[in-house]
């Protein structure tokens, strides 16, 4: 399915209830020479996309052409339908959870339903997020250690001996996962001392071995938190189901 059609662009813009930055600028791990911007939005689809034959899951916009690397000033935007976003969020997807915790200063757009969604983060997150964060950590470690074909960022490997961006995201996910499972929140931008440590890692001022040692300890914590976290064992799916129905009805009445 083509996610970049003018029809989907208009649908996403017209129905957006929440949109924010989700990239390194939000985490506080950006470096000055890499100024691209990642954003995520959540939108309510029109009735014909819910009850009719039409379908909308997400809209994707990239200022670079397909396959091109984003650079300074580029924008990568993804806007999920509210229903798809909720399914991913209830499952604990680390990236999808970010709009729940982004500070007000990072909100590009927020409507009443967006504020309401953020206010109910405690019903959406659960211990199930631990497995998702573990999976994402391990995927980044695999990207770091297993080079299949052309590496994504050969310039970093040439300069530092390893892909420091993969290493940074690997550790970042571990840190944020542990905080979420322990407190029910994610601090954005990330709190010190991790924030500075991760920027230094991205700049090659820590070794690959140090990054791997850090993530092993963080993954061990996430393993334990799958059963010891104070979060609810499962998300409140019944509340989510009822809220989705009410949210769509309210949005449609306003159009």
Protein backbone atom coordinates (compact mmCIF):
# COMPACT_ATOMS: atom_id res chain seq x y z
CA UNK A 1 0.00 0.00 0.00
CA UNK A 2 1.28 3.47 -0.91
CA UNK A 3 1.57 5.39 2.35
CA UNK A 4 2.59 8.71 0.73
CA UNK A 5 -0.44 9.56 -1.42
CA UNK A 6 -1.96 13.08 -1.37
CA UNK A 7 -5.18 11.48 -0.08
CA UNK A 8 -3.37 10.03 2.93
CA UNK A 9 -1.48 13.29 3.49
CA UNK A 10 -4.77 15.23 3.71
CA UNK A 11 -6.32 12.57 5.93
CA UNK A 12 -3.36 12.58 8.30
CA UNK A 13 -3.22 16.38 8.51
CA UNK A 14 -6.95 16.79 9.00
CA UNK A 15 -7.30 14.10 11.65
CA UNK A 16 -4.13 14.58 13.72
CA UNK A 17 -4.73 14.70 17.46
CA UNK A 18 -1.09 14.46 18.59
CA UNK A 19 2.26 15.03 16.86
CA UNK A 20 5.73 15.39 18.34
CA UNK A 21 9.43 14.94 17.74
CA UNK A 22 10.65 11.38 18.38
CA UNK A 23 14.29 11.39 17.26
CA UNK A 24 17.62 12.16 18.88
CA UNK A 25 16.52 15.73 19.51
CA UNK A 26 13.79 14.41 21.81
CA UNK A 27 16.16 12.00 23.58
CA UNK A 28 18.82 14.67 23.99
CA UNK A 29 21.40 12.57 22.13
CA UNK A 30 21.71 14.62 18.95
CA UNK A 31 25.09 15.81 17.75
CA UNK A 32 25.41 19.14 16.00
CA UNK A 33 26.53 17.83 12.61
CA UNK A 34 23.54 15.48 12.26
CA UNK A 35 20.47 17.73 12.22
CA UNK A 36 17.69 15.65 10.65
CA UNK A 37 14.35 15.52 12.47
CA UNK A 38 12.02 12.58 13.14
CA UNK A 39 8.38 13.16 14.05
CA UNK A 40 5.39 10.94 14.85
CA UNK A 41 1.71 11.79 14.66
CA UNK A 42 -1.52 10.06 15.62
CA UNK A 43 -4.72 10.73 13.68
CA UNK A 44 -8.39 9.74 13.74
CA UNK A 45 -9.55 8.35 10.40
CA UNK A 46 -12.86 9.39 8.81
CA UNK A 47 -15.80 6.94 9.25
CA UNK A 48 -15.41 5.42 5.77
CA UNK A 49 -11.92 4.20 6.71
CA UNK A 50 -13.25 2.45 9.81
CA UNK A 51 -16.68 1.12 8.75
CA UNK A 52 -16.24 1.09 4.99
CA UNK A 53 -13.95 -0.65 2.53
CA UNK A 54 -11.19 1.95 2.58
CA UNK A 55 -8.19 1.41 4.85
CA UNK A 56 -5.66 3.71 6.46
CA UNK A 57 -2.90 2.50 8.78
CA UNK A 58 -0.25 5.16 8.44
CA UNK A 59 1.06 8.02 6.38
CA UNK A 60 4.80 8.40 5.75
CA UNK A 61 6.60 11.50 4.54
CA UNK A 62 10.33 11.84 3.91
CA UNK A 63 11.97 14.96 2.53
CA UNK A 64 14.61 12.68 1.00
CA UNK A 65 13.64 10.30 -1.83
CA UNK A 66 13.09 6.62 -1.07
CA UNK A 67 16.37 5.00 -0.03
CA UNK A 68 18.13 8.34 0.51
CA UNK A 69 19.93 9.08 3.79
CA UNK A 70 18.41 11.90 5.85
CA UNK A 71 20.71 14.81 6.59
CA UNK A 72 20.73 18.27 8.11
CA UNK A 73 17.31 19.90 7.83
CA UNK A 74 15.51 16.78 6.56
CA UNK A 75 12.20 15.59 8.02
CA UNK A 76 11.04 12.00 8.47
CA UNK A 77 7.38 11.88 9.54
CA UNK A 78 5.09 8.97 10.26
CA UNK A 79 1.42 9.46 11.19
CA UNK A 80 -0.39 6.39 12.52
CA UNK A 81 -4.10 5.85 12.62
CA UNK A 82 -5.25 6.04 16.22
CA UNK A 83 -6.30 2.38 16.19
CA UNK A 84 -2.96 1.13 14.84
CA UNK A 85 -1.03 3.36 17.24
CA UNK A 86 -3.04 2.01 20.18
CA UNK A 87 -2.41 -1.61 19.20
CA UNK A 88 1.34 -0.98 19.02
CA UNK A 89 1.36 1.03 22.25
CA UNK A 90 -0.56 -1.62 24.21
CA UNK A 91 2.05 -4.10 23.02
CA UNK A 92 4.82 -1.89 24.46
CA UNK A 93 6.51 -0.69 21.26
CA UNK A 94 9.28 1.65 22.56
CA UNK A 95 9.12 4.23 19.77
CA UNK A 96 5.34 4.37 19.67
CA UNK A 97 5.21 5.12 23.41
CA UNK A 98 7.29 8.31 23.07
CA UNK A 99 4.35 10.72 22.38
CA UNK A 100 2.96 9.80 25.80
CA UNK A 101 6.01 11.25 27.55
CA UNK A 102 7.37 13.94 25.23
CA UNK A 103 7.56 17.32 27.02
CA UNK A 104 5.15 20.06 25.97
CA UNK A 105 8.01 21.89 24.24
CA UNK A 106 8.37 18.99 21.78
CA UNK A 107 4.68 18.80 20.83
CA UNK A 108 4.17 20.04 17.28
CA UNK A 109 0.40 19.67 17.59
CA UNK A 110 -1.93 18.44 20.31
CA UNK A 111 -5.73 18.44 20.39
CA UNK A 112 -8.07 17.64 23.28
CA UNK A 113 -8.00 13.91 22.48
CA UNK A 114 -4.21 14.02 22.38
CA UNK A 115 -4.07 15.56 25.86
CA UNK A 116 -6.51 12.92 27.07
CA UNK A 117 -4.44 10.11 25.61
CA UNK A 118 -1.29 11.37 27.35
CA UNK A 119 -3.17 11.64 30.64
CA UNK A 120 -3.97 7.91 30.52
CA UNK A 121 -0.45 6.61 29.87
CA UNK A 122 -0.69 4.46 33.01
CA UNK A 123 -3.53 2.44 31.43
CA UNK A 124 -1.53 1.82 28.25
CA UNK A 125 1.88 0.78 29.57
CA UNK A 126 2.48 -2.52 31.34
CA UNK A 127 5.14 -5.10 32.08
CA UNK A 128 4.72 -6.34 28.52
CA UNK A 129 6.91 -3.41 27.44
CA UNK A 130 9.93 -5.15 29.00
CA UNK A 131 9.96 -7.81 26.29
CA UNK A 132 9.62 -5.18 23.56
CA UNK A 133 12.52 -3.10 24.90
CA UNK A 134 14.64 -6.24 25.20
CA UNK A 135 13.84 -7.15 21.62
CA UNK A 136 14.76 -3.69 20.33
CA UNK A 137 18.01 -3.65 22.36
CA UNK A 138 19.03 -6.99 20.92
CA UNK A 139 18.13 -5.93 17.39
CA UNK A 140 20.42 -2.90 17.71
CA UNK A 141 23.18 -5.11 19.10
CA UNK A 142 22.74 -7.40 16.10
CA UNK A 143 23.02 -4.42 13.77
CA UNK A 144 26.16 -3.36 15.61
CA UNK A 145 27.92 -6.73 15.56
CA UNK A 146 26.68 -8.49 12.41
CA UNK A 147 27.60 -6.76 9.18
CA UNK A 148 25.53 -8.09 6.29
CA UNK A 149 26.44 -6.49 2.98
CA UNK A 150 27.08 -2.75 2.99
CA UNK A 151 26.94 -1.28 6.53
CA UNK A 152 24.37 1.46 7.09
CA UNK A 153 26.92 4.04 8.20
CA UNK A 154 30.36 3.06 6.82
CA UNK A 155 31.72 6.53 7.64
CA UNK A 156 31.23 5.89 11.37
CA UNK A 157 32.92 2.49 11.16
CA UNK A 158 35.84 4.03 9.30
CA UNK A 159 36.15 6.87 11.84
CA UNK A 160 35.54 5.03 15.12
CA UNK A 161 35.89 1.32 14.32
CA UNK A 162 32.18 0.61 14.93
CA UNK A 163 28.78 2.13 14.20
CA UNK A 164 28.44 4.49 17.14
CA UNK A 165 24.81 5.33 16.31
CA UNK A 166 23.71 1.68 16.59
CA UNK A 167 25.68 1.46 19.84
CA UNK A 168 24.04 4.60 21.23
CA UNK A 169 20.50 3.45 20.39
CA UNK A 170 21.23 0.01 21.87
CA UNK A 171 22.17 1.48 25.25
CA UNK A 172 19.49 4.20 25.10
CA UNK A 173 16.74 1.62 24.71
CA UNK A 174 18.05 -0.29 27.71
CA UNK A 175 18.17 2.84 29.88
CA UNK A 176 14.69 4.00 28.87
CA UNK A 177 13.20 0.54 29.23
CA UNK A 178 14.51 0.16 32.77
CA UNK A 179 13.23 3.61 33.75
CA UNK A 180 9.79 2.92 32.27
CA UNK A 181 9.45 -0.46 33.98
CA UNK A 182 10.66 0.93 37.31
CA UNK A 183 8.74 4.22 37.38
CA UNK A 184 6.02 4.17 34.72
CA UNK A 185 7.61 7.19 33.02
CA UNK A 186 10.31 8.05 30.48
CA UNK A 187 12.35 11.20 31.10
CA UNK A 188 12.69 13.14 27.84
CA UNK A 189 15.24 14.45 27.12
CA UNK A 190 17.10 11.72 28.97
CA UNK A 191 18.40 12.45 32.46
CA UNK A 192 22.06 12.69 33.38
CA UNK A 193 24.49 11.04 33.59
CA UNK A 194 23.24 8.79 30.78
CA UNK A 195 22.44 11.66 28.44
CA UNK A 196 26.03 12.90 28.33
CA UNK A 197 27.43 9.35 28.27
CA UNK A 198 25.34 8.49 25.22
CA UNK A 199 26.37 11.64 23.35
CA UNK A 200 29.99 10.77 24.12
CA UNK A 201 29.40 7.22 22.86
CA UNK A 202 27.93 8.57 19.64
CA UNK A 203 31.05 10.73 19.25
CA UNK A 204 33.35 7.70 19.69
CA UNK A 205 34.52 8.70 23.17
CA UNK A 206 33.51 5.34 24.62
CA UNK A 207 34.44 1.97 23.16
CA UNK A 208 32.20 -0.67 21.64
CA UNK A 209 33.16 -2.92 24.54
CA UNK A 210 31.97 -0.34 27.08
CA UNK A 211 28.65 -0.07 25.25
CA UNK A 212 28.21 -3.85 25.21
CA UNK A 213 29.05 -4.11 28.92
CA UNK A 214 26.47 -1.42 29.70
CA UNK A 215 23.71 -3.07 27.68
CA UNK A 216 24.31 -6.50 29.23
CA UNK A 217 23.63 -5.02 32.67
CA UNK A 218 20.57 -3.15 31.41
CA UNK A 219 19.17 -6.23 29.70
CA UNK A 220 19.61 -8.23 32.92
CA UNK A 221 17.52 -5.58 34.71
CA UNK A 222 14.84 -5.72 32.03
CA UNK A 223 14.70 -9.50 32.33
CA UNK A 224 14.03 -9.20 36.07
CA UNK A 225 11.53 -6.36 35.62
CA UNK A 226 9.31 -8.58 33.48
CA UNK A 227 8.10 -10.06 36.78
CA UNK A 228 9.12 -7.51 39.43
CA UNK A 229 8.05 -4.20 37.84
CA UNK A 230 5.39 -2.24 39.77
CA UNK A 231 3.51 -1.70 36.48
CA UNK A 232 0.30 -3.59 35.80
CA UNK A 233 0.88 -7.05 34.35
CA UNK A 234 -1.13 -6.27 31.20
CA UNK A 235 -2.42 -3.03 29.67
CA UNK A 236 -6.02 -2.03 30.31
CA UNK A 237 -7.33 -3.26 26.97
CA UNK A 238 -10.97 -2.89 28.02
CA UNK A 239 -10.47 0.81 28.77
CA UNK A 240 -8.54 1.25 25.49
CA UNK A 241 -11.33 -0.36 23.49
CA UNK A 242 -14.02 1.83 25.03
CA UNK A 243 -11.90 4.99 24.76
CA UNK A 244 -11.21 4.35 21.07
CA UNK A 245 -14.93 4.13 20.33
CA UNK A 246 -15.66 7.35 22.22
CA UNK A 247 -12.68 9.14 20.64
CA UNK A 248 -13.81 8.33 17.11
CA UNK A 249 -17.39 9.34 17.84
CA UNK A 250 -16.28 12.67 19.30
CA UNK A 251 -13.91 13.40 16.42
CA UNK A 252 -16.53 12.59 13.79
CA UNK A 253 -19.11 14.88 15.42
CA UNK A 254 -16.71 17.78 14.98
CA UNK A 255 -16.36 17.28 11.19
